[in-house]
Amino acid sequence: MKKWVICGLLACPALLRAQTIVQRDPVIGKMVATVNADSLHSYILQLVKFDTRSTISSTTDVKKGIGAARNWVLHKMESFAPASGGRLTVKLDTTAYAADGKRVDKDINLGNVVATLKGTDPNDPRVYIISGHLDSRVTDVMDRVHTAPGANDDGSGSAAVIELARVMSQQSFPATIIFVTVSGEEQGLLGATYMAKKAKQENWQIDAMLNNDIIGQSTSSQTLLNDNTKVRVFSEGIPATADEAMIKRIKSMGMENDSRSRQLARYIKETGERYVDQLEVKLEYRADRFLRGGDHSPFQQQGFTAVRITEMNENFDRQHQDLRTENGIQYGDLPEYMDFEYLRKNAAMNLSVLANLASAPAEPEAVKIDVKELTNYSSLSWAPPKYGKAKGYYVLMRETSSPVWEKKFYTTETSMRLPYSKDNYYFAVQAVGEGGQESLAVFPEVGR
């Protein structure tokens, strides 16, 4: 019988080639499994109780408005600090914002709740950020009074941030992770802009920023699609900070689809699908939804690597709507229309990405592809990462038409020569840590 099984498999080489080994780090896998749908549900129910979280609502009322909401998030995050052994610190980072004649009609106190899980390596300055926006709105963005539950937009992103702070604060990582709920998104990305500019001025080394906005509903309006197995990641192609010289270089090397944000998006897809079952990460190759924006944009504008994570099928009956019923349709962003298992999967996907990045060594340095002669081989070289120890490296390869990396070649050396033409394939290099965690991929520069 055993002999027959072996022969049967050998007779089906296509079946063997189709098999893929999925390896999950057991510590990260355990963290992913700890993300809890009931916890996420409880956070959102509490956020909805503040009636409105409009950025221009009261900051002094203890029960209603953005002030009460951010104070609750602050205290919730602080409750996780004891389990961190002193590594998690939490603050309400506020600034005075003057009326701008646009979406802020009076001077306000703008505030972000920032929880920082300090990395354990004192020589590693890398920072990874996950964000959701705390504020909510109804149809009129200047309405600071009427009920704006904001359960999904963006209670879902804020709940994911809180839950990841709870789970990840119990572990340690060489690099630093920041969990932030920003305010002012609906008023013009105000809180994210404040934080991104501050990060630039203070020289934070932000390697990746994950903006989670609307990640908890699986049924669309109008088309009535219902699917909680897919989530979108939006990433910019040409960097927002690209000058004429950079754009010329990008075009000359065919790098329009290989910005750092695109590399992060590919990383999210590979890592998220590795750790979270029944979830497919869809790569959306545009900076955001059509003619729309989010809190990752200010970080991109400051030169940081940032993406937007959002649900696959949006329901516009729930977004920016006054609570009402018309023609038998209930409008409004209420928690009863959310899919908390879907939200759990999306939060867990974020955790798997952050945990791998913060545990991995930094990216390899000085990645080059040799162009000194015409050849059908491709030769790459690189230097070890600045931070963390690499036990080896992956050289990644894909056809020019492929949206994702298709092959990985492992080596412990700092160079590799492959029998594939650079005219027909794109290449990149990742550092691999002792635990198998991979850095972001680095697209090579021209070397001679």
Protein backbone atom coordinates (compact mmCIF):
# COMPACT_ATOMS: atom_id res chain seq x y z
CA MET A 1 0.00 0.00 0.00
CA LYS A 2 2.80 2.47 0.88
CA LYS A 3 4.55 1.64 -2.40
CA TRP A 4 1.36 2.39 -4.34
CA VAL A 5 0.98 5.80 -2.66
CA ILE A 6 4.55 6.77 -3.53
CA CYS A 7 4.14 5.69 -7.13
CA GLY A 8 0.85 7.56 -7.32
CA LEU A 9 2.49 10.77 -6.18
CA LEU A 10 5.43 10.35 -8.52
CA ALA A 11 2.98 9.93 -11.34
CA CYS A 12 1.55 13.39 -10.51
CA PRO A 13 4.51 15.82 -10.50
CA ALA A 14 2.11 18.75 -10.98
CA LEU A 15 0.51 17.89 -7.64
CA LEU A 16 3.90 17.93 -5.93
CA ARG A 17 4.81 21.28 -7.47
CA ALA A 18 1.51 22.77 -6.30
CA GLN A 19 2.19 21.98 -2.63
CA THR A 20 3.45 24.86 -0.50
CA ILE A 21 4.93 24.64 2.98
CA VAL A 22 3.58 27.35 5.29
CA GLN A 23 5.85 28.08 8.25
CA ARG A 24 4.59 30.27 11.09
CA ASP A 25 6.67 31.52 13.96
CA PRO A 26 4.99 29.87 16.99
CA VAL A 27 5.24 32.97 19.19
CA ILE A 28 3.72 35.23 16.54
CA GLY A 29 1.16 32.55 15.73
CA LYS A 30 0.09 32.52 19.37
CA MET A 31 -0.27 36.30 19.38
CA VAL A 32 -2.37 36.15 16.22
CA ALA A 33 -4.63 33.56 17.85
CA THR A 34 -5.04 35.80 20.91
CA VAL A 35 -6.75 38.59 18.96
CA ASN A 36 -10.33 38.38 20.18
CA ALA A 37 -13.54 39.28 18.35
CA ASP A 38 -15.40 39.80 21.64
CA SER A 39 -12.78 42.28 22.84
CA LEU A 40 -13.04 44.20 19.57
CA HIS A 41 -16.83 44.21 19.91
CA SER A 42 -16.65 45.57 23.46
CA TYR A 43 -14.32 48.41 22.42
CA ILE A 44 -16.66 49.49 19.65
CA LEU A 45 -19.74 49.37 21.88
CA GLN A 46 -17.94 51.68 24.29
CA LEU A 47 -16.87 54.08 21.54
CA VAL A 48 -20.44 54.29 20.26
CA LYS A 49 -21.63 55.29 23.75
CA PHE A 50 -19.92 58.67 23.38
CA ASP A 51 -22.75 59.59 20.98
CA THR A 52 -20.52 61.63 18.71
CA ARG A 53 -16.74 61.68 18.32
CA SER A 54 -16.70 64.62 15.97
CA THR A 55 -13.34 66.40 16.14
CA ILE A 56 -15.15 69.70 16.69
CA SER A 57 -17.33 68.31 19.48
CA SER A 58 -16.70 68.89 23.20
CA THR A 59 -13.32 68.05 24.73
CA THR A 60 -14.54 68.77 28.28
CA ASP A 61 -17.79 66.80 28.54
CA VAL A 62 -17.03 63.63 30.51
CA LYS A 63 -19.70 61.52 28.79
CA LYS A 64 -20.12 62.82 25.25
CA GLY A 65 -17.81 63.95 22.49
CA ILE A 66 -14.26 63.50 21.27
CA GLY A 67 -12.73 64.49 24.61
CA ALA A 68 -14.51 61.76 26.55
CA ALA A 69 -13.69 59.23 23.84
CA ARG A 70 -9.97 59.94 23.74
CA ASN A 71 -9.76 59.91 27.55
CA TRP A 72 -11.34 56.46 27.57
CA VAL A 73 -8.86 55.20 24.97
CA LEU A 74 -6.02 56.73 26.98
CA HIS A 75 -7.06 54.93 30.17
CA LYS A 76 -7.68 51.68 28.28
CA MET A 77 -4.19 51.77 26.79
CA GLU A 78 -2.72 52.61 30.20
CA SER A 79 -4.34 49.48 31.64
CA PHE A 80 -2.10 47.39 29.35
CA ALA A 81 1.12 48.99 30.60
CA PRO A 82 1.70 46.80 33.69
CA ALA A 83 1.93 43.65 31.54
CA SER A 84 4.64 45.26 29.43
CA GLY A 85 7.24 45.47 32.16
CA GLY A 86 7.49 49.22 31.76
CA ARG A 87 8.02 49.20 28.01
CA LEU A 88 4.54 50.54 27.10
CA THR A 89 4.06 54.25 27.73
CA VAL A 90 0.86 56.10 26.87
CA LYS A 91 0.09 59.77 26.37
CA LEU A 92 -2.48 62.14 24.96
CA ASP A 93 -0.53 64.24 22.46
CA THR A 94 -2.44 67.49 21.98
CA THR A 95 -1.99 70.68 20.04
CA ALA A 96 -3.99 73.87 19.57
CA TYR A 97 -5.58 74.02 16.14
CA ALA A 98 -6.97 77.35 14.97
CA ALA A 99 -10.19 77.69 13.00
CA ASP A 100 -9.28 77.28 9.35
CA GLY A 101 -12.45 78.43 7.60
CA LYS A 102 -12.82 74.98 6.07
CA ARG A 103 -13.86 72.12 8.34
CA VAL A 104 -12.91 73.71 11.65
CA ASP A 105 -15.08 76.73 12.47
CA LYS A 106 -13.71 77.38 15.97
CA ASP A 107 -10.32 76.91 17.64
CA ILE A 108 -10.03 73.34 18.96
CA ASN A 109 -7.80 71.17 21.09
CA LEU A 110 -6.63 68.42 18.72
CA GLY A 111 -5.41 65.22 20.34
CA ASN A 112 -4.00 61.81 19.42
CA VAL A 113 -3.75 58.91 21.88
CA VAL A 114 -0.25 57.48 21.44
CA ALA A 115 0.91 54.21 23.04
CA THR A 116 4.59 53.44 22.47
CA LEU A 117 5.96 49.92 22.97
CA LYS A 118 9.68 50.58 23.25
CA GLY A 119 11.98 48.19 21.43
CA THR A 120 14.40 46.09 23.47
CA ASP A 121 17.47 46.86 21.33
CA PRO A 122 18.83 50.26 22.46
CA ASN A 123 20.80 50.53 19.20
CA ASP A 124 17.79 49.97 16.96
CA PRO A 125 15.92 53.23 16.15
CA ARG A 126 13.31 51.68 13.84
CA VAL A 127 9.66 52.58 14.45
CA TYR A 128 6.53 50.83 13.15
CA ILE A 129 3.15 52.56 13.44
CA ILE A 130 -0.41 51.25 13.33
CA SER A 131 -3.21 53.82 13.32
CA GLY A 132 -6.96 54.20 13.25
CA HIS A 133 -8.92 57.44 13.47
CA LEU A 134 -11.02 58.01 16.56
CA ASP A 135 -13.29 60.74 15.22
CA SER A 136 -16.68 60.14 13.60
CA ARG A 137 -19.16 62.19 11.58
CA VAL A 138 -22.67 62.32 10.15
CA THR A 139 -23.74 63.68 6.74
CA ASP A 140 -22.79 67.27 7.56
CA VAL A 141 -19.12 67.24 8.53
CA MET A 142 -19.69 70.42 10.54
CA ASP A 143 -22.40 68.81 12.69
CA ARG A 144 -20.90 68.47 16.18
CA VAL A 145 -24.20 67.70 17.96
CA HIS A 146 -26.14 64.84 16.39
CA THR A 147 -25.40 61.17 17.03
CA ALA A 148 -22.47 59.87 14.98
CA PRO A 149 -21.81 56.29 16.15
CA GLY A 150 -18.78 55.73 13.89
CA ALA A 151 -18.82 52.02 14.66
CA ASN A 152 -17.01 51.00 11.50
CA ASP A 153 -15.69 54.39 10.34
CA ASP A 154 -13.42 54.29 12.13
CA GLY A 155 -14.32 52.54 15.35
CA SER A 156 -13.08 49.39 13.63
CA GLY A 157 -9.58 50.76 13.03
CA SER A 158 -9.40 52.26 16.51
CA ALA A 159 -10.55 48.97 18.07
CA ALA A 160 -7.87 47.09 16.13
CA VAL A 161 -5.23 49.50 17.44
CA ILE A 162 -6.41 49.01 21.03
CA GLU A 163 -6.55 45.22 20.70
CA LEU A 164 -3.07 45.01 19.21
CA ALA A 165 -1.73 47.18 22.03
CA ARG A 166 -3.30 44.75 24.50
CA VAL A 167 -1.82 41.64 22.90
CA MET A 168 1.58 42.93 21.76
CA SER A 169 2.43 44.81 24.97
CA GLN A 170 2.81 41.39 26.61
CA GLN A 171 5.69 40.54 24.23
CA SER A 172 9.00 42.20 23.39
CA PHE A 173 10.44 43.24 20.05
CA PRO A 174 13.85 44.68 19.10
CA ALA A 175 12.22 47.62 17.26
CA THR A 176 9.62 50.08 18.59
CA ILE A 177 5.90 49.84 17.79
CA ILE A 178 3.52 52.81 18.14
CA PHE A 179 -0.23 52.28 18.48
CA VAL A 180 -2.12 55.52 17.79
CA THR A 181 -5.73 56.64 17.50
CA VAL A 182 -5.69 59.97 15.71
CA SER A 183 -8.34 62.69 15.65
CA GLY A 184 -9.34 65.02 12.87
CA GLU A 185 -9.41 62.58 9.96
CA GLU A 186 -12.85 63.68 8.84
CA GLN A 187 -11.85 67.33 9.27
CA GLY A 188 -8.94 67.00 6.83
CA LEU A 189 -6.45 64.41 8.18
CA LEU A 190 -5.50 66.84 10.94
CA GLY A 191 -4.24 64.46 13.62
CA ALA A 192 -2.22 62.36 11.18
CA THR A 193 -0.72 65.50 9.62
CA TYR A 194 0.30 66.76 13.06
CA MET A 195 1.94 63.43 13.92
CA ALA A 196 3.68 62.99 10.56
CA LYS A 197 5.19 66.49 10.66
CA LYS A 198 6.31 65.95 14.25
CA ALA A 199 7.93 62.64 13.28
CA LYS A 200 9.78 64.33 10.42
CA GLN A 201 10.98 67.22 12.58
CA GLU A 202 12.17 64.85 15.32
CA ASN A 203 13.81 62.44 12.87
CA TRP A 204 11.81 59.36 13.78
CA GLN A 205 12.98 56.40 11.72
CA ILE A 206 9.55 55.16 10.64
CA ASP A 207 10.07 52.07 8.50
CA ALA A 208 6.36 51.36 7.96
CA MET A 209 3.01 52.90 8.82
CA LEU A 210 -0.23 50.86 8.62
CA ASN A 211 -3.36 53.01 8.46
CA ASN A 212 -6.50 51.02 9.24
CA ASP A 213 -9.65 52.83 8.18
CA ILE A 214 -12.98 50.99 7.83
CA ILE A 215 -12.01 47.33 8.33
CA GLY A 216 -15.03 45.78 10.05
CA GLN A 217 -17.90 45.33 7.59
CA SER A 218 -18.20 42.62 4.94
CA THR A 219 -21.42 43.51 3.07
CA SER A 220 -21.52 46.20 0.39
CA SER A 221 -24.32 48.62 -0.38
CA GLN A 222 -26.04 48.58 -3.79
CA THR A 223 -24.21 45.51 -5.17
CA LEU A 224 -24.98 43.50 -2.00
CA LEU A 225 -21.68 41.63 -2.10
CA ASN A 226 -21.00 39.70 1.08
CA ASP A 227 -17.48 38.39 1.63
CA ASN A 228 -15.35 38.44 4.77
CA THR A 229 -12.38 36.67 3.20
CA LYS A 230 -10.76 39.62 1.42
CA VAL A 231 -9.21 42.92 2.50
CA ARG A 232 -7.62 45.70 0.44
CA VAL A 233 -4.21 47.34 0.82
CA PHE A 234 -3.69 50.62 -1.04
CA SER A 235 -0.13 51.76 -1.79
CA GLU A 236 1.39 54.62 -3.75
CA GLY A 237 3.50 53.96 -6.86
CA ILE A 238 5.48 57.12 -7.50
CA PRO A 239 6.44 58.46 -4.04
CA ALA A 240 4.71 61.68 -3.03
CA THR A 241 8.12 63.24 -2.37
CA ALA A 242 9.65 62.26 -5.73
CA ASP A 243 11.42 65.11 -7.51
CA GLU A 244 12.16 65.27 -11.23
CA ALA A 245 15.46 63.41 -10.89
CA MET A 246 13.86 60.59 -8.90
CA ILE A 247 10.99 60.25 -11.36
CA LYS A 248 13.51 60.04 -14.21
CA ARG A 249 15.43 57.28 -12.38
CA ILE A 250 12.22 55.39 -11.58
CA LYS A 251 11.18 55.44 -15.23
CA SER A 252 14.62 54.45 -16.51
CA MET A 253 14.69 51.34 -14.31
CA GLY A 254 11.01 50.42 -14.65
CA MET A 255 10.39 50.96 -10.94
CA GLU A 256 6.93 52.52 -11.23
CA ASN A 257 5.51 49.54 -9.35
CA ASP A 258 8.34 49.11 -6.84
CA SER A 259 8.14 51.99 -4.38
CA ARG A 260 8.76 51.23 -0.72
CA SER A 261 5.00 51.42 -0.14
CA ARG A 262 4.45 48.76 -2.82
CA GLN A 263 7.11 46.58 -1.17
CA LEU A 264 5.28 47.01 2.14
CA ALA A 265 1.97 46.07 0.50
CA ARG A 266 3.50 42.88 -0.94
CA TYR A 267 4.94 42.10 2.48
CA ILE A 268 1.50 42.52 4.06
CA LYS A 269 0.00 40.13 1.53
CA GLU A 270 2.61 37.41 1.97
CA THR A 271 2.82 37.67 5.75
CA GLY A 272 -0.87 38.25 6.44
CA GLU A 273 -1.96 35.29 4.34
CA ARG A 274 0.70 33.14 6.02
CA TYR A 275 -0.68 33.75 9.50
CA VAL A 276 -4.41 34.38 9.07
CA ASP A 277 -6.56 31.65 7.58
CA GLN A 278 -9.41 32.44 5.18
CA LEU A 279 -8.14 35.93 4.41
CA GLU A 280 -6.85 37.10 1.05
CA VAL A 281 -5.01 40.41 0.88
CA LYS A 282 -5.86 42.24 -2.33
CA LEU A 283 -3.20 44.64 -3.60
CA GLU A 284 -4.72 47.86 -4.87
CA TYR A 285 -2.11 49.70 -6.89
CA ARG A 286 -3.22 53.25 -6.20
CA ALA A 287 -2.56 55.53 -3.23
CA ASP A 288 -6.17 55.28 -1.99
CA ARG A 289 -9.69 54.74 -3.25
CA PHE A 290 -10.62 56.78 -6.33
CA LEU A 291 -10.14 60.50 -5.57
CA ARG A 292 -10.22 59.82 -1.82
CA GLY A 293 -7.62 59.93 0.94
CA GLY A 294 -6.73 58.77 4.43
CA ASP A 295 -4.33 59.15 7.34
CA HIS A 296 -1.47 57.40 5.55
CA SER A 297 -1.27 60.29 3.07
CA PRO A 298 0.40 62.82 5.43
CA PHE A 299 3.06 60.23 6.25
CA GLN A 300 3.70 59.62 2.56
CA GLN A 301 3.99 63.37 2.04
CA GLN A 302 6.71 63.47 4.69
CA GLY A 303 8.63 60.70 2.89
CA PHE A 304 7.59 57.76 5.11
CA THR A 305 6.51 54.33 3.89
CA ALA A 306 2.76 54.08 4.51
CA VAL A 307 -0.28 52.18 3.24
CA ARG A 308 -4.03 52.13 3.78
CA ILE A 309 -5.80 48.92 4.87
CA THR A 310 -9.56 48.86 4.31
CA GLU A 311 -12.42 46.43 3.85
CA MET A 312 -13.07 44.86 0.44
CA ASN A 313 -16.70 45.88 0.02
CA GLU A 314 -17.68 49.29 1.36
CA ASN A 315 -21.21 50.06 2.47
CA PHE A 316 -22.04 53.69 1.78
CA ASP A 317 -25.34 53.42 3.66
CA ARG A 318 -23.16 53.28 6.78
CA GLN A 319 -20.56 55.96 5.95
CA HIS A 320 -21.08 59.67 6.68
CA GLN A 321 -24.81 59.18 7.20
CA ASP A 322 -27.36 60.70 9.56
CA LEU A 323 -29.22 58.02 11.51
CA ARG A 324 -32.54 57.51 9.71
CA THR A 325 -34.73 55.06 7.80
CA GLU A 326 -35.73 55.83 4.22
CA ASN A 327 -37.61 53.51 1.84
CA GLY A 328 -37.09 50.66 4.23
CA ILE A 329 -33.31 51.18 4.37
CA GLN A 330 -31.60 51.86 7.70
CA TYR A 331 -28.82 54.42 7.34
CA GLY A 332 -26.05 55.03 9.85
CA ASP A 333 -22.77 53.57 11.08
CA LEU A 334 -24.13 51.26 13.76
CA PRO A 335 -22.35 48.26 15.37
CA GLU A 336 -25.16 45.82 14.56
CA TYR A 337 -24.18 45.97 10.90
CA MET A 338 -20.58 44.98 11.51
CA ASP A 339 -18.89 41.59 11.05
CA PHE A 340 -16.69 41.08 14.11
CA GLU A 341 -15.12 37.88 12.86
CA TYR A 342 -14.01 39.81 9.78
CA LEU A 343 -12.65 42.58 12.01
CA ARG A 344 -10.77 39.96 14.05
CA LYS A 345 -9.10 38.59 10.94
CA ASN A 346 -8.09 42.04 9.74
CA ALA A 347 -6.69 42.98 13.15
CA ALA A 348 -4.81 39.67 13.33
CA MET A 349 -3.35 40.31 9.88
CA ASN A 350 -2.01 43.67 11.09
CA LEU A 351 -0.49 42.00 14.13
CA SER A 352 1.31 39.36 12.06
CA VAL A 353 2.88 42.07 9.90
CA LEU A 354 3.95 44.32 12.79
CA ALA A 355 5.34 41.43 14.83
CA ASN A 356 7.40 40.10 11.94
CA LEU A 357 8.75 43.50 10.95
CA ALA A 358 9.62 44.52 14.51
CA SER A 359 11.33 41.17 15.13
CA ALA A 360 13.27 41.03 11.86
CA PRO A 361 16.63 42.65 11.19
CA ALA A 362 16.64 45.88 9.25
CA GLU A 363 16.78 45.82 5.48
CA PRO A 364 20.06 44.93 3.74
CA GLU A 365 22.19 47.92 2.79
CA ALA A 366 23.64 49.01 -0.55
CA VAL A 367 21.66 46.54 -2.66
CA LYS A 368 23.06 46.60 -6.21
CA ILE A 369 22.51 44.79 -9.50
CA ASP A 370 25.54 44.53 -11.76
CA VAL A 371 25.20 46.12 -15.21
CA LYS A 372 28.84 46.31 -16.28
CA GLU A 373 28.33 43.85 -19.12
CA LEU A 374 25.58 42.39 -21.30
CA THR A 375 24.63 38.98 -19.96
CA ASN A 376 21.65 36.71 -19.45
CA TYR A 377 22.73 36.22 -15.85
CA SER A 378 21.80 38.66 -13.10
CA SER A 379 24.32 39.39 -10.33
CA LEU A 380 23.24 41.10 -7.10
CA SER A 381 25.26 42.21 -4.10
CA TRP A 382 24.47 43.90 -0.79
CA ALA A 383 25.79 44.72 2.67
CA PRO A 384 24.45 43.48 6.03
CA PRO A 385 21.68 45.47 7.74
CA LYS A 386 22.52 48.29 10.14
CA TYR A 387 20.31 46.95 12.91
CA GLY A 388 19.74 43.38 14.02
CA LYS A 389 21.59 40.27 12.93
CA ALA A 390 20.85 38.55 9.63
CA LYS A 391 21.44 34.81 9.50
CA GLY A 392 20.85 34.94 5.73
CA TYR A 393 19.09 36.65 2.86
CA TYR A 394 16.38 36.04 0.29
CA VAL A 395 16.84 37.19 -3.26
CA LEU A 396 13.31 37.71 -4.60
CA MET A 397 12.34 37.41 -8.24
CA ARG A 398 9.22 38.01 -10.30
CA GLU A 399 8.30 38.52 -13.92
CA THR A 400 7.83 42.16 -14.88
CA SER A 401 4.09 41.60 -15.28
CA SER A 402 3.61 39.95 -11.88
CA PRO A 403 2.17 41.99 -8.98
CA VAL A 404 3.89 39.78 -6.36
CA TRP A 405 7.25 38.11 -5.84
CA GLU A 406 7.21 34.63 -7.37
CA LYS A 407 10.48 32.99 -6.25
CA LYS A 408 12.81 33.25 -3.28
CA PHE A 409 16.45 32.14 -3.35
CA TYR A 410 18.11 31.78 0.07
CA THR A 411 21.79 32.45 0.74
CA THR A 412 24.05 33.19 3.68
CA GLU A 413 26.37 35.19 1.43
CA THR A 414 26.05 38.87 0.50
CA SER A 415 25.88 38.27 -3.24
CA MET A 416 24.16 35.95 -5.69
CA ARG A 417 24.39 35.24 -9.42
CA LEU A 418 21.24 33.87 -11.03
CA PRO A 419 20.68 32.45 -14.53
CA TYR A 420 17.79 34.82 -15.18
CA SER A 421 17.98 37.96 -17.30
CA LYS A 422 17.39 41.33 -15.62
CA ASP A 423 15.59 42.28 -18.84
CA ASN A 424 12.85 39.76 -18.07
CA TYR A 425 12.61 39.83 -14.28
CA TYR A 426 12.61 42.17 -11.32
CA PHE A 427 14.73 41.39 -8.27
CA ALA A 428 14.91 42.48 -4.63
CA VAL A 429 16.70 41.39 -1.45
CA GLN A 430 15.43 40.72 2.09
CA ALA A 431 17.37 40.13 5.29
CA VAL A 432 16.33 37.10 7.35
CA GLY A 433 16.72 36.99 11.13
CA GLU A 434 17.61 34.11 13.43
CA GLY A 435 13.92 33.37 13.99
CA GLY A 436 13.13 33.41 10.27
CA GLN A 437 11.45 36.83 10.27
CA GLU A 438 12.05 38.78 7.07
CA SER A 439 12.74 42.45 6.52
CA LEU A 440 11.05 44.51 3.84
CA ALA A 441 12.38 43.88 0.35
CA VAL A 442 14.86 46.32 -1.18
CA PHE A 443 14.82 46.98 -4.93
CA PRO A 444 18.41 47.16 -6.24
CA GLU A 445 20.19 50.23 -7.50
CA VAL A 446 22.50 50.08 -10.51
CA GLY A 447 25.98 48.86 -9.70
CA ARG A 448 29.10 48.50 -11.81
